[in-house]
Structures are given as C-alpha cells and as structure tokens.
Amino acid sequence: MKFGPCTSVLSDPTFWIVVRNMALWGVITIPVQMLVGGLLAYFIERHTTLFRGFFRTMFFLPVVTSVSVVSLVWAQIYAPYYGIAQEYLKHVGIVMTNSAIGDPNTAIYALIVVNIWQWTGFSMLMYIAGIANLPSEVLDAARIDGAKGWRLAVHVIVPMLSPATKSLLLLGIIGTLQTFPIVHLMTGGGPNRASEVFGTFIFKQSFVLGDTGSGAALSVIVLVVALGLSLLQIALLGARLSPAAKVQA
C-alpha cells in the first residue's frame, strides 16, 4: 500500500497552518455562538412579549443571507480608513492602514467574527425550540421552591437544554470542518496562507495546482477527523439530539 499523497500532505508546512486555523475556528466560534445564541433565546422567549417575532427574524436573518452578500458587506466593514470598524476604532486612537482580512496577524480572527455573526442566529433558533419544549410543570415547581431569574436559568433551564447544546456542539464541529465559502470569497486563504482552512486548501491542491492525489488525501483526513470527533462527542456526552437538530439532520 502506498501512502505517498498522505506523507506529502503531512510534511507540508501549510497543512499544519490549516490545522492551527481550524482549531482556532472551532474553539472560538462554537462556544461563542452557543453562549450568545442561548442568551438571545432566553431573553427573547422569557423577557419579551411584543415584537418577539421581529427579534427572532432579525437575529436569524444572517443565517439565510447569501454568503456572497455577507462577504461583500463585511469586506466594506473591515475596509481601512472608511470602514465601519475604523469608525469605532478611531475613538480609541487606532487607525487601520490595512484591512483586517488583509493582515496575516488578524485575517483568521476577522473571518471568525464574520462566521459568529452569521451563524449565531441558528444557535438561537435551536435554543428557542428547546425552551418552547420545556415542561411547564418543572418550571412552576422550581419557582415554588424559590428559583427565580438567573438561578432559574442556570440551575433549571440550562441543564434541561442539554440536548440542544449537544446537538449544536456536534453540528458546530462538522460545520467547522466544512468551512469554505466565507474564506474563499473574502481572503481565498490568504494573505500568505494565514486564513487557510481545509476547504480552501483542498480546493487549491485539487483544482488550482492539479494535485488531485493530495486533494483526495486531505479529503480523507478531514473525513477521519470529523468521524473521530463525532464518535468522541457521542461517547462522552451521549447521542441524544434535540428535535430541531433531528429536523436539520
């Protein structure tokens, strides 16, 4: 059996840059999206009566917005001198002479911010579905026992939302490994490979450089990693999914 393409990929310094970027992507985006999405769902469902549908729609709107539109808008936000980000930074004495996505030191983090903005609404929707299915008798019993406000949220609601949390963790891992459109459109993996992810790396190896062997080897590596992480999560956290996640799957 020949392992030439795999050996070549593993010895490529770019591969380890990609691994670092994917690790950063998953470690930052998944917890932040779940935390912010959960907080939005809690406040919308428990503390709003009027305009509830409006808030749900507005926060979910980025999820269904074309990735091309998202890329164009955020490229303008990150633009130096006149971008919205610059307008806020100048108040603290920071002047951007280069776009955040054009700087090797900030490109991957700038893209992570865009991804969080676009997909937090999906986490919110999952938690809204979970909150809607909470048994009212359990919540009433907790209130009778004196649980109110944050005590009720942290000690009763959060544990009961564990199926949604597990589902979001599993979907987040898979989504991280599938990351491609936003990076391809905004940076193409640059500058100097600083924002390269598995998707753009496979695309370049297979279709730009014509090295289909390395592209196939990378695809197999991504498949094995996704399978391994999914099985590890199921083993550690269980396989119970929320109803919304079952529909998504």
Protein backbone atom coordinates (compact mmCIF):
# COMPACT_ATOMS: atom_id res chain seq x y z
CA MET A 1 0.00 0.00 0.00
CA LYS A 2 1.35 3.43 -0.96
CA PHE A 3 1.00 6.42 1.34
CA GLY A 4 2.74 8.95 -0.91
CA PRO A 5 0.00 11.63 -1.02
CA CYS A 6 -0.69 11.39 2.72
CA THR A 7 3.01 11.60 3.56
CA SER A 8 3.37 14.58 1.25
CA VAL A 9 0.41 16.35 2.86
CA LEU A 10 1.59 15.74 6.42
CA SER A 11 5.07 17.04 5.60
CA ASP A 12 3.68 20.23 4.05
CA PRO A 13 4.02 23.21 6.48
CA THR A 14 0.78 24.64 5.11
CA PHE A 15 -1.11 21.61 6.42
CA TRP A 16 -0.15 22.45 9.99
CA ILE A 17 -1.10 26.09 9.47
CA VAL A 18 -4.51 24.81 8.35
CA VAL A 19 -4.77 22.58 11.44
CA ARG A 20 -4.00 25.57 13.67
CA ASN A 21 -6.59 27.72 11.90
CA MET A 22 -9.26 25.04 12.13
CA ALA A 23 -8.54 24.55 15.83
CA LEU A 24 -8.87 28.30 16.44
CA TRP A 25 -12.04 28.38 14.37
CA GLY A 26 -13.73 25.60 16.32
CA VAL A 27 -12.53 26.61 19.79
CA ILE A 28 -13.72 30.20 19.34
CA THR A 29 -16.82 30.01 17.16
CA ILE A 30 -18.64 27.04 18.71
CA PRO A 31 -18.70 28.22 22.38
CA VAL A 32 -19.35 31.87 21.45
CA GLN A 33 -22.22 31.00 19.12
CA MET A 34 -23.79 28.73 21.71
CA LEU A 35 -23.38 31.27 24.53
CA VAL A 36 -24.66 34.29 22.60
CA GLY A 37 -27.39 32.26 20.89
CA GLY A 38 -28.53 30.88 24.23
CA LEU A 39 -28.64 34.33 25.83
CA LEU A 40 -30.61 35.76 22.90
CA ALA A 41 -33.08 32.88 23.03
CA TYR A 42 -33.53 33.25 26.79
CA PHE A 43 -34.18 36.98 26.72
CA ILE A 44 -36.42 36.82 23.67
CA GLU A 45 -38.54 33.95 24.98
CA ARG A 46 -38.63 34.83 28.67
CA HIS A 47 -38.45 38.62 28.72
CA THR A 48 -40.22 39.88 25.62
CA THR A 49 -43.86 39.82 24.64
CA LEU A 50 -44.19 42.49 21.97
CA PHE A 51 -42.03 42.23 18.85
CA ARG A 52 -40.92 38.70 19.74
CA GLY A 53 -41.30 37.60 16.14
CA PHE A 54 -39.40 40.69 14.98
CA PHE A 55 -36.39 39.90 17.18
CA ARG A 56 -36.39 36.25 16.13
CA THR A 57 -36.42 37.26 12.47
CA MET A 58 -33.74 39.93 12.76
CA PHE A 59 -31.26 37.72 14.60
CA PHE A 60 -31.92 34.76 12.29
CA LEU A 61 -31.73 36.83 9.11
CA PRO A 62 -27.91 36.49 8.68
CA VAL A 63 -28.26 32.68 8.60
CA VAL A 64 -30.38 32.81 5.44
CA THR A 65 -28.48 35.69 3.85
CA SER A 66 -26.36 34.78 0.81
CA VAL A 67 -22.74 34.22 1.74
CA SER A 68 -21.76 36.42 -1.21
CA VAL A 69 -23.69 39.34 0.27
CA VAL A 70 -22.23 38.68 3.72
CA SER A 71 -18.71 38.68 2.25
CA LEU A 72 -19.22 41.96 0.39
CA VAL A 73 -20.75 43.71 3.41
CA TRP A 74 -18.06 42.61 5.83
CA ALA A 75 -15.27 43.42 3.39
CA GLN A 76 -16.56 47.01 3.46
CA ILE A 77 -16.88 46.95 7.25
CA TYR A 78 -13.23 45.90 7.54
CA ALA A 79 -12.03 48.40 4.91
CA PRO A 80 -9.29 50.73 6.21
CA TYR A 81 -9.87 54.47 6.58
CA TYR A 82 -13.60 54.44 5.77
CA GLY A 83 -14.96 51.10 7.07
CA ILE A 84 -17.41 50.95 9.97
CA ALA A 85 -14.83 49.10 12.07
CA GLN A 86 -12.42 52.00 11.56
CA GLU A 87 -15.08 54.49 12.65
CA TYR A 88 -15.31 52.74 16.01
CA LEU A 89 -11.57 52.13 16.39
CA LYS A 90 -10.61 55.74 15.78
CA HIS A 91 -12.37 56.70 19.01
CA VAL A 92 -9.71 54.75 20.91
CA GLY A 93 -6.86 56.12 18.80
CA ILE A 94 -6.44 53.16 16.42
CA VAL A 95 -6.05 53.91 12.72
CA MET A 96 -6.24 50.92 10.36
CA THR A 97 -3.81 51.22 7.46
CA ASN A 98 -4.71 47.75 6.21
CA SER A 99 -7.88 45.72 6.15
CA ALA A 100 -8.30 43.24 8.99
CA ILE A 101 -8.67 40.47 6.41
CA GLY A 102 -5.53 41.66 4.62
CA ASP A 103 -3.27 41.39 7.66
CA PRO A 104 -1.74 37.93 8.29
CA ASN A 105 -1.95 38.53 12.05
CA THR A 106 -5.68 39.27 12.10
CA ALA A 107 -7.18 37.63 8.99
CA ILE A 108 -8.32 34.38 10.62
CA TYR A 109 -9.82 36.23 13.61
CA ALA A 110 -11.64 38.67 11.34
CA LEU A 111 -13.21 35.75 9.47
CA ILE A 112 -14.14 34.08 12.76
CA VAL A 113 -16.06 37.23 13.74
CA VAL A 114 -17.97 37.10 10.45
CA ASN A 115 -18.82 33.43 10.97
CA ILE A 116 -20.05 34.08 14.52
CA TRP A 117 -22.22 36.96 13.28
CA GLN A 118 -23.74 34.86 10.51
CA TRP A 119 -24.46 31.65 12.43
CA THR A 120 -25.31 32.74 15.98
CA GLY A 121 -28.94 33.02 14.87
CA PHE A 122 -29.00 29.28 14.20
CA SER A 123 -27.91 28.56 17.78
CA MET A 124 -30.58 30.98 18.97
CA LEU A 125 -33.24 29.12 16.97
CA MET A 126 -32.16 25.76 18.40
CA TYR A 127 -32.38 27.10 21.94
CA ILE A 128 -35.74 28.76 21.23
CA ALA A 129 -37.05 25.35 20.13
CA GLY A 130 -35.63 23.82 23.30
CA ILE A 131 -37.16 26.47 25.56
CA ALA A 132 -40.54 26.05 23.86
CA ASN A 133 -40.48 22.32 24.73
CA LEU A 134 -39.57 22.77 28.40
CA PRO A 135 -42.24 21.17 30.64
CA SER A 136 -44.13 23.98 32.38
CA GLU A 137 -44.75 21.86 35.49
CA VAL A 138 -40.99 21.60 36.14
CA LEU A 139 -40.55 25.36 35.80
CA ASP A 140 -43.53 26.00 38.06
CA ALA A 141 -42.15 23.62 40.68
CA ALA A 142 -38.77 25.37 40.55
CA ARG A 143 -40.43 28.77 41.04
CA ILE A 144 -42.38 27.44 44.02
CA ASP A 145 -39.06 26.29 45.51
CA GLY A 146 -37.72 29.83 45.16
CA ALA A 147 -35.77 29.62 41.89
CA LYS A 148 -36.09 32.92 40.04
CA GLY A 149 -34.17 34.94 37.46
CA TRP A 150 -30.62 33.74 36.86
CA ARG A 151 -30.96 30.99 39.47
CA LEU A 152 -33.83 29.51 37.48
CA ALA A 153 -31.94 29.93 34.21
CA VAL A 154 -28.64 28.43 35.37
CA HIS A 155 -29.86 25.60 37.60
CA VAL A 156 -33.04 24.53 35.79
CA ILE A 157 -33.29 25.79 32.23
CA VAL A 158 -29.66 25.28 31.13
CA PRO A 159 -29.47 21.60 32.24
CA MET A 160 -32.80 20.89 30.53
CA LEU A 161 -31.45 22.36 27.30
CA SER A 162 -28.57 19.88 27.17
CA PRO A 163 -29.96 18.05 24.08
CA ALA A 164 -29.84 21.33 22.12
CA THR A 165 -26.33 22.06 23.44
CA LYS A 166 -25.06 18.62 22.43
CA SER A 167 -26.64 18.97 19.01
CA LEU A 168 -25.05 22.39 18.47
CA LEU A 169 -21.67 21.04 19.54
CA LEU A 170 -21.88 18.17 17.05
CA LEU A 171 -23.14 20.41 14.23
CA GLY A 172 -20.51 23.02 15.11
CA ILE A 173 -17.66 20.53 14.78
CA ILE A 174 -18.95 19.31 11.43
CA GLY A 175 -19.59 22.87 10.26
CA THR A 176 -16.08 23.95 11.24
CA LEU A 177 -14.54 21.20 9.14
CA GLN A 178 -16.82 22.15 6.22
CA THR A 179 -15.84 25.84 6.31
CA PHE A 180 -15.18 27.10 2.79
CA PRO A 181 -17.42 29.76 1.16
CA ILE A 182 -16.76 32.70 3.50
CA VAL A 183 -12.99 32.13 3.48
CA HIS A 184 -12.84 31.52 -0.27
CA LEU A 185 -14.78 34.69 -1.05
CA MET A 186 -13.16 37.05 1.46
CA THR A 187 -9.49 36.03 1.55
CA GLY A 188 -9.01 32.93 -0.58
CA GLY A 189 -6.98 31.52 2.31
CA GLY A 190 -4.57 34.45 2.33
CA PRO A 191 -2.72 36.56 2.95
CA ASN A 192 0.27 34.23 2.86
CA ARG A 193 -1.91 31.22 3.89
CA ALA A 194 -2.80 32.97 7.16
CA SER A 195 -6.51 32.15 6.86
CA GLU A 196 -6.22 28.84 5.00
CA VAL A 197 -8.77 26.20 6.04
CA PHE A 198 -9.29 22.63 4.91
CA GLY A 199 -11.85 23.62 2.29
CA THR A 200 -9.67 26.22 0.55
CA PHE A 201 -6.56 24.04 0.89
CA ILE A 202 -8.29 21.06 -0.76
CA PHE A 203 -9.69 23.31 -3.50
CA LYS A 204 -6.27 24.76 -4.33
CA GLN A 205 -4.48 21.41 -4.28
CA SER A 206 -7.11 19.71 -6.44
CA PHE A 207 -8.26 22.37 -8.90
CA VAL A 208 -5.64 25.12 -8.92
CA LEU A 209 -2.45 23.08 -8.69
CA GLY A 210 -3.97 19.94 -10.24
CA ASP A 211 -2.61 17.72 -7.46
CA THR A 212 -5.66 15.51 -7.11
CA GLY A 213 -3.74 12.95 -5.06
CA SER A 214 -3.03 15.46 -2.29
CA GLY A 215 -6.57 16.80 -2.54
CA ALA A 216 -8.01 13.31 -2.10
CA ALA A 217 -5.66 12.60 0.81
CA LEU A 218 -6.74 15.83 2.51
CA SER A 219 -10.40 14.93 2.00
CA VAL A 220 -9.86 11.54 3.63
CA ILE A 221 -8.06 13.19 6.57
CA VAL A 222 -10.97 15.60 7.07
CA LEU A 223 -13.44 12.69 6.95
CA VAL A 224 -11.47 10.71 9.53
CA VAL A 225 -11.13 13.73 11.83
CA ALA A 226 -14.87 14.51 11.57
CA LEU A 227 -15.79 10.90 12.27
CA GLY A 228 -13.38 10.66 15.19
CA LEU A 229 -14.56 13.89 16.83
CA SER A 230 -18.21 12.94 16.35
CA LEU A 231 -17.74 9.50 17.89
CA LEU A 232 -15.76 11.04 20.77
CA GLN A 233 -18.54 13.50 21.50
CA ILE A 234 -21.21 10.80 21.34
CA ALA A 235 -19.16 8.63 23.70
CA LEU A 236 -18.59 11.44 26.21
CA LEU A 237 -21.88 13.35 26.02
CA GLY A 238 -24.36 10.84 24.65
CA ALA A 239 -26.21 10.69 21.36
CA ARG A 240 -29.49 12.36 22.29
CA LEU A 241 -30.32 15.16 19.83
CA SER A 242 -32.83 17.95 20.14
CA PRO A 243 -35.94 17.80 17.93
CA ALA A 244 -34.71 20.79 15.91
CA ALA A 245 -31.37 19.08 15.26
CA LYS A 246 -33.14 15.95 14.02
CA VAL A 247 -35.02 18.08 11.51
CA GLN A 248 -31.75 19.77 10.46
CA ALA A 249 -30.04 16.37 10.03
